[in-house]
Amino acid sequence: MRNIQGDPLQGAGGGGKSGGGGGGREAPNTLRSTATARIIDVVSEGPIGGLKDNLKSVFLDDTPLQHQDDSFSVEGVVVWGRTGLPE
């Protein structure tokens, strides 16, 4: 193999069968992230009745926020409802 100038590439001789480095290891997954989204889903003239099945009616990318067994697909989500009535 040659470099850009056409000279042969030379290494430090580490490619033999002897020794070898220690095995690699993967660091534990310690990443944490927080995201904030504000979404207005429906704009209506007059009052809105509300969500049909509470948080089971809220979907994020076709995934329900709350499953039929009442477990959550995403933790820490806060949902506020506004029905359009004067406060």
PDB file of N, CA and C in Angstrom:
ATOM      1  N   MET A   1       0.846  -1.165   0.000  1.00  0.00           N
ATOM      2  CA  MET A   1       0.000   0.000   0.000  1.00  0.00           C
ATOM      3  C   MET A   1       0.895   1.231   0.000  1.00  0.00           C
ATOM      4  N   ARG A   2       0.471   2.304  -0.662  1.00  0.00           N
ATOM      5  CA  ARG A   2       1.292   3.513  -0.761  1.00  0.00           C
ATOM      6  C   ARG A   2       0.483   4.725  -0.299  1.00  0.00           C
ATOM      7  N   ASN A   3       1.194   5.746   0.204  1.00  0.00           N
ATOM      8  CA  ASN A   3       0.518   6.974   0.614  1.00  0.00           C
ATOM      9  C   ASN A   3       0.283   7.867  -0.594  1.00  0.00           C
ATOM     10  N   ILE A   4      -0.180   9.085  -0.368  1.00  0.00           N
ATOM     11  CA  ILE A   4      -0.538   9.994  -1.469  1.00  0.00           C
ATOM     12  C   ILE A   4       0.663  10.317  -2.348  1.00  0.00           C
ATOM     13  N   GLN A   5       1.855  10.451  -1.738  1.00  0.00           N
ATOM     14  CA  GLN A   5       3.055  10.771  -2.518  1.00  0.00           C
ATOM     15  C   GLN A   5       3.604   9.559  -3.268  1.00  0.00           C
ATOM     16  N   GLY A   6       3.064   8.381  -3.050  1.00  0.00           N
ATOM     17  CA  GLY A   6       3.527   7.184  -3.724  1.00  0.00           C
ATOM     18  C   GLY A   6       4.552   6.396  -2.933  1.00  0.00           C
ATOM     19  N   ASP A   7       4.921   6.868  -1.739  1.00  0.00           N
ATOM     20  CA  ASP A   7       5.896   6.156  -0.912  1.00  0.00           C
ATOM     21  C   ASP A   7       5.218   4.971  -0.227  1.00  0.00           C
ATOM     22  N   PRO A   8       5.960   3.880   0.002  1.00  0.00           N
ATOM     23  CA  PRO A   8       5.366   2.736   0.704  1.00  0.00           C
ATOM     24  C   PRO A   8       4.985   3.130   2.130  1.00  0.00           C
ATOM     25  N   LEU A   9       3.862   2.580   2.596  1.00  0.00           N
ATOM     26  CA  LEU A   9       3.442   2.819   3.980  1.00  0.00           C
ATOM     27  C   LEU A   9       4.191   1.872   4.887  1.00  0.00           C
ATOM     28  N   GLN A  10       4.633   2.381   6.032  1.00  0.00           N
ATOM     29  CA  GLN A  10       5.346   1.556   6.989  1.00  0.00           C
ATOM     30  C   GLN A  10       4.691   1.717   8.342  1.00  0.00           C
ATOM     31  N   GLY A  11       4.562   0.619   9.039  1.00  0.00           N
ATOM     32  CA  GLY A  11       3.996   0.643  10.380  1.00  0.00           C
ATOM     33  C   GLY A  11       5.056   0.397  11.419  1.00  0.00           C
ATOM     34  N   ALA A  12       4.633   0.273  12.666  1.00  0.00           N
ATOM     35  CA  ALA A  12       5.565   0.050  13.768  1.00  0.00           C
ATOM     36  C   ALA A  12       5.731  -1.424  14.083  1.00  0.00           C
ATOM     37  N   GLY A  13       5.243  -2.310  13.257  1.00  0.00           N
ATOM     38  CA  GLY A  13       5.460  -3.736  13.459  1.00  0.00           C
ATOM     39  C   GLY A  13       4.496  -4.373  14.440  1.00  0.00           C
ATOM     40  N   GLY A  14       3.332  -3.830  14.618  1.00  0.00           N
ATOM     41  CA  GLY A  14       2.399  -4.373  15.595  1.00  0.00           C
ATOM     42  C   GLY A  14       1.424  -5.381  15.036  1.00  0.00           C
ATOM     43  N   GLY A  15       1.619  -5.837  13.820  1.00  0.00           N
ATOM     44  CA  GLY A  15       0.617  -6.687  13.202  1.00  0.00           C
ATOM     45  C   GLY A  15       0.850  -8.171  13.317  1.00  0.00           C
ATOM     46  N   GLY A  16       1.832  -8.630  14.104  1.00  0.00           N
ATOM     47  CA  GLY A  16       2.124 -10.053  14.205  1.00  0.00           C
ATOM     48  C   GLY A  16       1.122 -10.794  15.065  1.00  0.00           C
ATOM     49  N   LYS A  17       1.450 -12.076  15.383  1.00  0.00           N
ATOM     50  CA  LYS A  17       0.560 -12.912  16.178  1.00  0.00           C
ATOM     51  C   LYS A  17       0.796 -12.757  17.678  1.00  0.00           C
ATOM     52  N   SER A  18       1.765 -11.996  18.077  1.00  0.00           N
ATOM     53  CA  SER A  18       2.095 -11.915  19.494  1.00  0.00           C
ATOM     54  C   SER A  18       1.178 -10.947  20.231  1.00  0.00           C
ATOM     55  N   GLY A  19       1.028 -11.199  21.520  1.00  0.00           N
ATOM     56  CA  GLY A  19       0.377 -10.279  22.453  1.00  0.00           C
ATOM     57  C   GLY A  19      -0.992  -9.837  22.011  1.00  0.00           C
ATOM     58  N   GLY A  20      -1.112  -8.566  21.907  1.00  0.00           N
ATOM     59  CA  GLY A  20      -2.405  -7.976  21.574  1.00  0.00           C
ATOM     60  C   GLY A  20      -2.887  -7.155  22.752  1.00  0.00           C
ATOM     61  N   GLY A  21      -3.695  -6.204  22.496  1.00  0.00           N
ATOM     62  CA  GLY A  21      -4.218  -5.364  23.562  1.00  0.00           C
ATOM     63  C   GLY A  21      -5.293  -6.080  24.338  1.00  0.00           C
ATOM     64  N   GLY A  22      -5.673  -5.462  25.438  1.00  0.00           N
ATOM     65  CA  GLY A  22      -6.776  -6.022  26.216  1.00  0.00           C
ATOM     66  C   GLY A  22      -8.067  -5.897  25.432  1.00  0.00           C
ATOM     67  N   GLY A  23      -9.025  -6.682  25.789  1.00  0.00           N
ATOM     68  CA  GLY A  23     -10.312  -6.617  25.105  1.00  0.00           C
ATOM     69  C   GLY A  23     -10.990  -5.285  25.357  1.00  0.00           C
ATOM     70  N   GLY A  24     -11.731  -4.810  24.413  1.00  0.00           N
ATOM     71  CA  GLY A  24     -12.470  -3.572  24.598  1.00  0.00           C
ATOM     72  C   GLY A  24     -13.634  -3.791  25.542  1.00  0.00           C
ATOM     73  N   ARG A  25     -14.125  -2.719  26.109  1.00  0.00           N
ATOM     74  CA  ARG A  25     -15.317  -2.838  26.955  1.00  0.00           C
ATOM     75  C   ARG A  25     -16.207  -1.642  26.696  1.00  0.00           C
ATOM     76  N   GLU A  26     -17.460  -1.865  26.839  1.00  0.00           N
ATOM     77  CA  GLU A  26     -18.448  -0.835  26.571  1.00  0.00           C
ATOM     78  C   GLU A  26     -18.834  -0.161  27.880  1.00  0.00           C
ATOM     79  N   ALA A  27     -18.846   1.168  27.866  1.00  0.00           N
ATOM     80  CA  ALA A  27     -19.244   1.927  29.050  1.00  0.00           C
ATOM     81  C   ALA A  27     -20.739   1.741  29.293  1.00  0.00           C
ATOM     82  N   PRO A  28     -21.173   1.782  30.541  1.00  0.00           N
ATOM     83  CA  PRO A  28     -22.608   1.653  30.814  1.00  0.00           C
ATOM     84  C   PRO A  28     -23.388   2.817  30.207  1.00  0.00           C
ATOM     85  N   ASN A  29     -24.626   2.540  29.863  1.00  0.00           N
ATOM     86  CA  ASN A  29     -25.482   3.568  29.282  1.00  0.00           C
ATOM     87  C   ASN A  29     -25.971   4.485  30.391  1.00  0.00           C
ATOM     88  N   THR A  30     -25.396   5.664  30.471  1.00  0.00           N
ATOM     89  CA  THR A  30     -25.780   6.618  31.509  1.00  0.00           C
ATOM     90  C   THR A  30     -26.353   7.897  30.914  1.00  0.00           C
ATOM     91  N   LEU A  31     -26.716   7.857  29.651  1.00  0.00           N
ATOM     92  CA  LEU A  31     -27.233   9.055  29.005  1.00  0.00           C
ATOM     93  C   LEU A  31     -28.643   9.364  29.469  1.00  0.00           C
ATOM     94  N   ARG A  32     -28.887  10.598  29.778  1.00  0.00           N
ATOM     95  CA  ARG A  32     -30.212  11.065  30.164  1.00  0.00           C
ATOM     96  C   ARG A  32     -30.527  12.284  29.298  1.00  0.00           C
ATOM     97  N   SER A  33     -31.756  12.393  28.874  1.00  0.00           N
ATOM     98  CA  SER A  33     -32.136  13.573  28.108  1.00  0.00           C
ATOM     99  C   SER A  33     -33.545  13.987  28.479  1.00  0.00           C
ATOM    100  N   THR A  34     -33.819  15.242  28.294  1.00  0.00           N
ATOM    101  CA  THR A  34     -35.141  15.784  28.559  1.00  0.00           C
ATOM    102  C   THR A  34     -35.548  16.606  27.346  1.00  0.00           C
ATOM    103  N   ALA A  35     -36.772  16.415  26.901  1.00  0.00           N
ATOM    104  CA  ALA A  35     -37.286  17.179  25.770  1.00  0.00           C
ATOM    105  C   ALA A  35     -38.622  17.786  26.159  1.00  0.00           C
ATOM    106  N   THR A  36     -38.897  18.948  25.633  1.00  0.00           N
ATOM    107  CA  THR A  36     -40.164  19.628  25.900  1.00  0.00           C
ATOM    108  C   THR A  36     -40.856  19.896  24.574  1.00  0.00           C
ATOM    109  N   ALA A  37     -42.125  19.553  24.513  1.00  0.00           N
ATOM    110  CA  ALA A  37     -42.913  19.823  23.312  1.00  0.00           C
ATOM    111  C   ALA A  37     -44.248  20.398  23.748  1.00  0.00           C
ATOM    112  N   ARG A  38     -44.691  21.413  23.056  1.00  0.00           N
ATOM    113  CA  ARG A  38     -46.023  21.976  23.281  1.00  0.00           C
ATOM    114  C   ARG A  38     -46.802  21.787  21.992  1.00  0.00           C
ATOM    115  N   ILE A  39     -47.905  21.083  22.113  1.00  0.00           N
ATOM    116  CA  ILE A  39     -48.678  20.720  20.928  1.00  0.00           C
ATOM    117  C   ILE A  39     -50.119  21.161  21.113  1.00  0.00           C
ATOM    118  N   ILE A  40     -50.651  21.858  20.124  1.00  0.00           N
ATOM    119  CA  ILE A  40     -52.084  22.153  20.079  1.00  0.00           C
ATOM    120  C   ILE A  40     -52.654  21.224  19.024  1.00  0.00           C
ATOM    121  N   ASP A  41     -53.496  20.310  19.471  1.00  0.00           N
ATOM    122  CA  ASP A  41     -53.964  19.257  18.583  1.00  0.00           C
ATOM    123  C   ASP A  41     -55.232  19.635  17.830  1.00  0.00           C
ATOM    124  N   VAL A  42     -56.171  20.291  18.505  1.00  0.00           N
ATOM    125  CA  VAL A  42     -57.454  20.589  17.873  1.00  0.00           C
ATOM    126  C   VAL A  42     -57.797  22.050  18.121  1.00  0.00           C
ATOM    127  N   VAL A  43     -58.202  22.715  17.073  1.00  0.00           N
ATOM    128  CA  VAL A  43     -58.708  24.076  17.196  1.00  0.00           C
ATOM    129  C   VAL A  43     -60.184  23.999  16.839  1.00  0.00           C
ATOM    130  N   SER A  44     -61.028  24.522  17.717  1.00  0.00           N
ATOM    131  CA  SER A  44     -62.460  24.366  17.527  1.00  0.00           C
ATOM    132  C   SER A  44     -63.170  25.671  17.823  1.00  0.00           C
ATOM    133  N   GLU A  45     -64.331  25.802  17.269  1.00  0.00           N
ATOM    134  CA  GLU A  45     -65.187  26.934  17.590  1.00  0.00           C
ATOM    135  C   GLU A  45     -66.184  26.440  18.621  1.00  0.00           C
ATOM    136  N   GLY A  46     -66.044  26.909  19.840  1.00  0.00           N
ATOM    137  CA  GLY A  46     -66.912  26.465  20.922  1.00  0.00           C
ATOM    138  C   GLY A  46     -66.237  25.415  21.781  1.00  0.00           C
ATOM    139  N   PRO A  47     -66.936  24.941  22.809  1.00  0.00           N
ATOM    140  CA  PRO A  47     -66.344  23.980  23.743  1.00  0.00           C
ATOM    141  C   PRO A  47     -66.044  22.633  23.098  1.00  0.00           C
ATOM    142  N   ILE A  48     -65.027  21.986  23.629  1.00  0.00           N
ATOM    143  CA  ILE A  48     -64.643  20.644  23.194  1.00  0.00           C
ATOM    144  C   ILE A  48     -64.998  19.696  24.324  1.00  0.00           C
ATOM    145  N   GLY A  49     -65.503  18.522  23.998  1.00  0.00           N
ATOM    146  CA  GLY A  49     -65.910  17.563  25.014  1.00  0.00           C
ATOM    147  C   GLY A  49     -64.747  16.973  25.795  1.00  0.00           C
ATOM    148  N   GLY A  50     -63.560  16.932  25.225  1.00  0.00           N
ATOM    149  CA  GLY A  50     -62.402  16.363  25.899  1.00  0.00           C
ATOM    150  C   GLY A  50     -61.916  15.104  25.205  1.00  0.00           C
ATOM    151  N   LEU A  51     -60.951  14.450  25.808  1.00  0.00           N
ATOM    152  CA  LEU A  51     -60.397  13.226  25.239  1.00  0.00           C
ATOM    153  C   LEU A  51     -61.374  12.077  25.435  1.00  0.00           C
ATOM    154  N   LYS A  52     -61.520  11.240  24.434  1.00  0.00           N
ATOM    155  CA  LYS A  52     -62.497  10.150  24.481  1.00  0.00           C
ATOM    156  C   LYS A  52     -62.160   9.135  25.576  1.00  0.00           C
ATOM    157  N   ASP A  53     -60.875   8.777  25.709  1.00  0.00           N
ATOM    158  CA  ASP A  53     -60.475   7.759  26.688  1.00  0.00           C
ATOM    159  C   ASP A  53     -59.255   8.239  27.482  1.00  0.00           C
ATOM    160  N   ASN A  54     -59.316   9.466  27.965  1.00  0.00           N
ATOM    161  CA  ASN A  54     -58.238  10.089  28.743  1.00  0.00           C
ATOM    162  C   ASN A  54     -56.893   9.950  28.033  1.00  0.00           C
ATOM    163  N   LEU A  55     -55.834   9.564  28.721  1.00  0.00           N
ATOM    164  CA  LEU A  55     -54.499   9.516  28.126  1.00  0.00           C
ATOM    165  C   LEU A  55     -54.330   8.371  27.133  1.00  0.00           C
ATOM    166  N   LYS A  56     -55.265   7.454  27.086  1.00  0.00           N
ATOM    167  CA  LYS A  56     -55.234   6.400  26.069  1.00  0.00           C
ATOM    168  C   LYS A  56     -55.584   6.970  24.693  1.00  0.00           C
ATOM    169  N   SER A  57     -56.114   8.191  24.659  1.00  0.00           N
ATOM    170  CA  SER A  57     -56.465   8.848  23.406  1.00  0.00           C
ATOM    171  C   SER A  57     -55.345   9.740  22.883  1.00  0.00           C
ATOM    172  N   VAL A  58     -54.232   9.833  23.606  1.00  0.00           N
ATOM    173  CA  VAL A  58     -53.090  10.643  23.180  1.00  0.00           C
ATOM    174  C   VAL A  58     -52.067   9.713  22.538  1.00  0.00           C
ATOM    175  N   PHE A  59     -51.676  10.015  21.304  1.00  0.00           N
ATOM    176  CA  PHE A  59     -50.737   9.180  20.562  1.00  0.00           C
ATOM    177  C   PHE A  59     -49.499   9.986  20.202  1.00  0.00           C
ATOM    178  N   LEU A  60     -48.348   9.379  20.360  1.00  0.00           N
ATOM    179  CA  LEU A  60     -47.081   9.952  19.913  1.00  0.00           C
ATOM    180  C   LEU A  60     -46.521   9.030  18.845  1.00  0.00           C
ATOM    181  N   ASP A  61     -46.547   9.468  17.599  1.00  0.00           N
ATOM    182  CA  ASP A  61     -46.063   8.670  16.473  1.00  0.00           C
ATOM    183  C   ASP A  61     -46.750   7.296  16.427  1.00  0.00           C
ATOM    184  N   ASP A  62     -48.061   7.292  16.480  1.00  0.00           N
ATOM    185  CA  ASP A  62     -48.904   6.091  16.422  1.00  0.00           C
ATOM    186  C   ASP A  62     -48.765   5.171  17.637  1.00  0.00           C
ATOM    187  N   THR A  63     -48.136   5.638  18.701  1.00  0.00           N
ATOM    188  CA  THR A  63     -48.012   4.859  19.936  1.00  0.00           C
ATOM    189  C   THR A  63     -48.843   5.531  21.018  1.00  0.00           C
ATOM    190  N   PRO A  64     -49.780   4.805  21.638  1.00  0.00           N
ATOM    191  CA  PRO A  64     -50.592   5.441  22.678  1.00  0.00           C
ATOM    192  C   PRO A  64     -49.748   5.803  23.895  1.00  0.00           C
ATOM    193  N   LEU A  65     -50.035   6.958  24.488  1.00  0.00           N
ATOM    194  CA  LEU A  65     -49.317   7.377  25.681  1.00  0.00           C
ATOM    195  C   LEU A  65     -49.594   6.423  26.835  1.00  0.00           C
ATOM    196  N   GLN A  66     -50.842   5.958  26.940  1.00  0.00           N
ATOM    197  CA  GLN A  66     -51.216   5.010  27.989  1.00  0.00           C
ATOM    198  C   GLN A  66     -51.839   3.785  27.323  1.00  0.00           C
ATOM    199  N   HIS A  67     -51.366   2.609  27.703  1.00  0.00           N
ATOM    200  CA  HIS A  67     -51.860   1.357  27.123  1.00  0.00           C
ATOM    201  C   HIS A  67     -53.180   0.948  27.784  1.00  0.00           C
ATOM    202  N   GLN A  68     -53.837  -0.053  27.215  1.00  0.00           N
ATOM    203  CA  GLN A  68     -55.115  -0.531  27.746  1.00  0.00           C
ATOM    204  C   GLN A  68     -54.984  -1.080  29.171  1.00  0.00           C
ATOM    205  N   ASP A  69     -53.795  -1.571  29.539  1.00  0.00           N
ATOM    206  CA  ASP A  69     -53.591  -2.073  30.904  1.00  0.00           C
ATOM    207  C   ASP A  69     -53.180  -0.967  31.878  1.00  0.00           C
ATOM    208  N   ASP A  70     -53.331   0.283  31.464  1.00  0.00           N
ATOM    209  CA  ASP A  70     -53.022   1.495  32.235  1.00  0.00           C
ATOM    210  C   ASP A  70     -51.534   1.739  32.439  1.00  0.00           C
ATOM    211  N   SER A  71     -50.636   0.958  31.835  1.00  0.00           N
ATOM    212  CA  SER A  71     -49.207   1.264  31.884  1.00  0.00           C
ATOM    213  C   SER A  71     -48.903   2.349  30.852  1.00  0.00           C
ATOM    214  N   PHE A  72     -47.816   3.069  31.046  1.00  0.00           N
ATOM    215  CA  PHE A  72     -47.462   4.171  30.156  1.00  0.00           C
ATOM    216  C   PHE A  72     -46.328   3.762  29.228  1.00  0.00           C
ATOM    217  N   SER A  73     -46.389   4.219  27.979  1.00  0.00           N
ATOM    218  CA  SER A  73     -45.316   3.953  27.032  1.00  0.00           C
ATOM    219  C   SER A  73     -44.175   4.949  27.218  1.00  0.00           C
ATOM    220  N   VAL A  74     -44.462   6.126  27.758  1.00  0.00           N
ATOM    221  CA  VAL A  74     -43.463   7.156  28.025  1.00  0.00           C
ATOM    222  C   VAL A  74     -43.729   7.698  29.414  1.00  0.00           C
ATOM    223  N   GLU A  75     -42.697   7.759  30.248  1.00  0.00           N
ATOM    224  CA  GLU A  75     -42.854   8.270  31.609  1.00  0.00           C
ATOM    225  C   GLU A  75     -42.614   9.772  31.638  1.00  0.00           C
ATOM    226  N   GLY A  76     -43.234  10.451  32.581  1.00  0.00           N
ATOM    227  CA  GLY A  76     -42.966  11.866  32.814  1.00  0.00           C
ATOM    228  C   GLY A  76     -43.694  12.829  31.894  1.00  0.00           C
ATOM    229  N   VAL A  77     -44.684  12.369  31.155  1.00  0.00           N
ATOM    230  CA  VAL A  77     -45.430  13.243  30.250  1.00  0.00           C
ATOM    231  C   VAL A  77     -46.569  13.896  31.020  1.00  0.00           C
ATOM    232  N   VAL A  78     -46.729  15.191  30.799  1.00  0.00           N
ATOM    233  CA  VAL A  78     -47.813  15.939  31.431  1.00  0.00           C
ATOM    234  C   VAL A  78     -48.740  16.427  30.317  1.00  0.00           C
ATOM    235  N   VAL A  79     -50.044  16.212  30.488  1.00  0.00           N
ATOM    236  CA  VAL A  79     -51.025  16.630  29.488  1.00  0.00           C
ATOM    237  C   VAL A  79     -52.014  17.581  30.131  1.00  0.00           C
ATOM    238  N   TRP A  80     -52.199  18.739  29.522  1.00  0.00           N
ATOM    239  CA  TRP A  80     -53.205  19.693  29.972  1.00  0.00           C
ATOM    240  C   TRP A  80     -54.306  19.744  28.941  1.00  0.00           C
ATOM    241  N   GLY A  81     -55.537  19.787  29.390  1.00  0.00           N
ATOM    242  CA  GLY A  81     -56.660  19.897  28.469  1.00  0.00           C
ATOM    243  C   GLY A  81     -57.301  21.259  28.583  1.00  0.00           C
ATOM    244  N   ARG A  82     -57.705  21.805  27.464  1.00  0.00           N
ATOM    245  CA  ARG A  82     -58.439  23.067  27.428  1.00  0.00           C
ATOM    246  C   ARG A  82     -59.703  22.828  26.610  1.00  0.00           C
ATOM    247  N   THR A  83     -60.832  23.011  27.225  1.00  0.00           N
ATOM    248  CA  THR A  83     -62.086  22.707  26.556  1.00  0.00           C
ATOM    249  C   THR A  83     -62.670  23.896  25.803  1.00  0.00           C
ATOM    250  N   GLY A  84     -62.088  25.051  25.921  1.00  0.00           N
ATOM    251  CA  GLY A  84     -62.584  26.223  25.219  1.00  0.00           C
ATOM    252  C   GLY A  84     -63.572  27.053  26.030  1.00  0.00           C
ATOM    253  N   LEU A  85     -63.832  26.645  27.249  1.00  0.00           N
ATOM    254  CA  LEU A  85     -64.715  27.413  28.104  1.00  0.00           C
ATOM    255  C   LEU A  85     -63.933  28.543  28.764  1.00  0.00           C
ATOM    256  N   PRO A  86     -64.613  29.672  29.053  1.00  0.00           N
ATOM    257  CA  PRO A  86     -63.914  30.750  29.757  1.00  0.00           C
ATOM    258  C   PRO A  86     -63.473  30.269  31.138  1.00  0.00           C
ATOM    259  N   GLU A  87     -62.296  30.705  31.536  1.00  0.00           N
ATOM    260  CA  GLU A  87     -61.772  30.229  32.828  1.00  0.00           C
ATOM    261  C   GLU A  87     -62.080  31.175  33.945  1.00  0.00           C
TER     262      GLU A  87
END
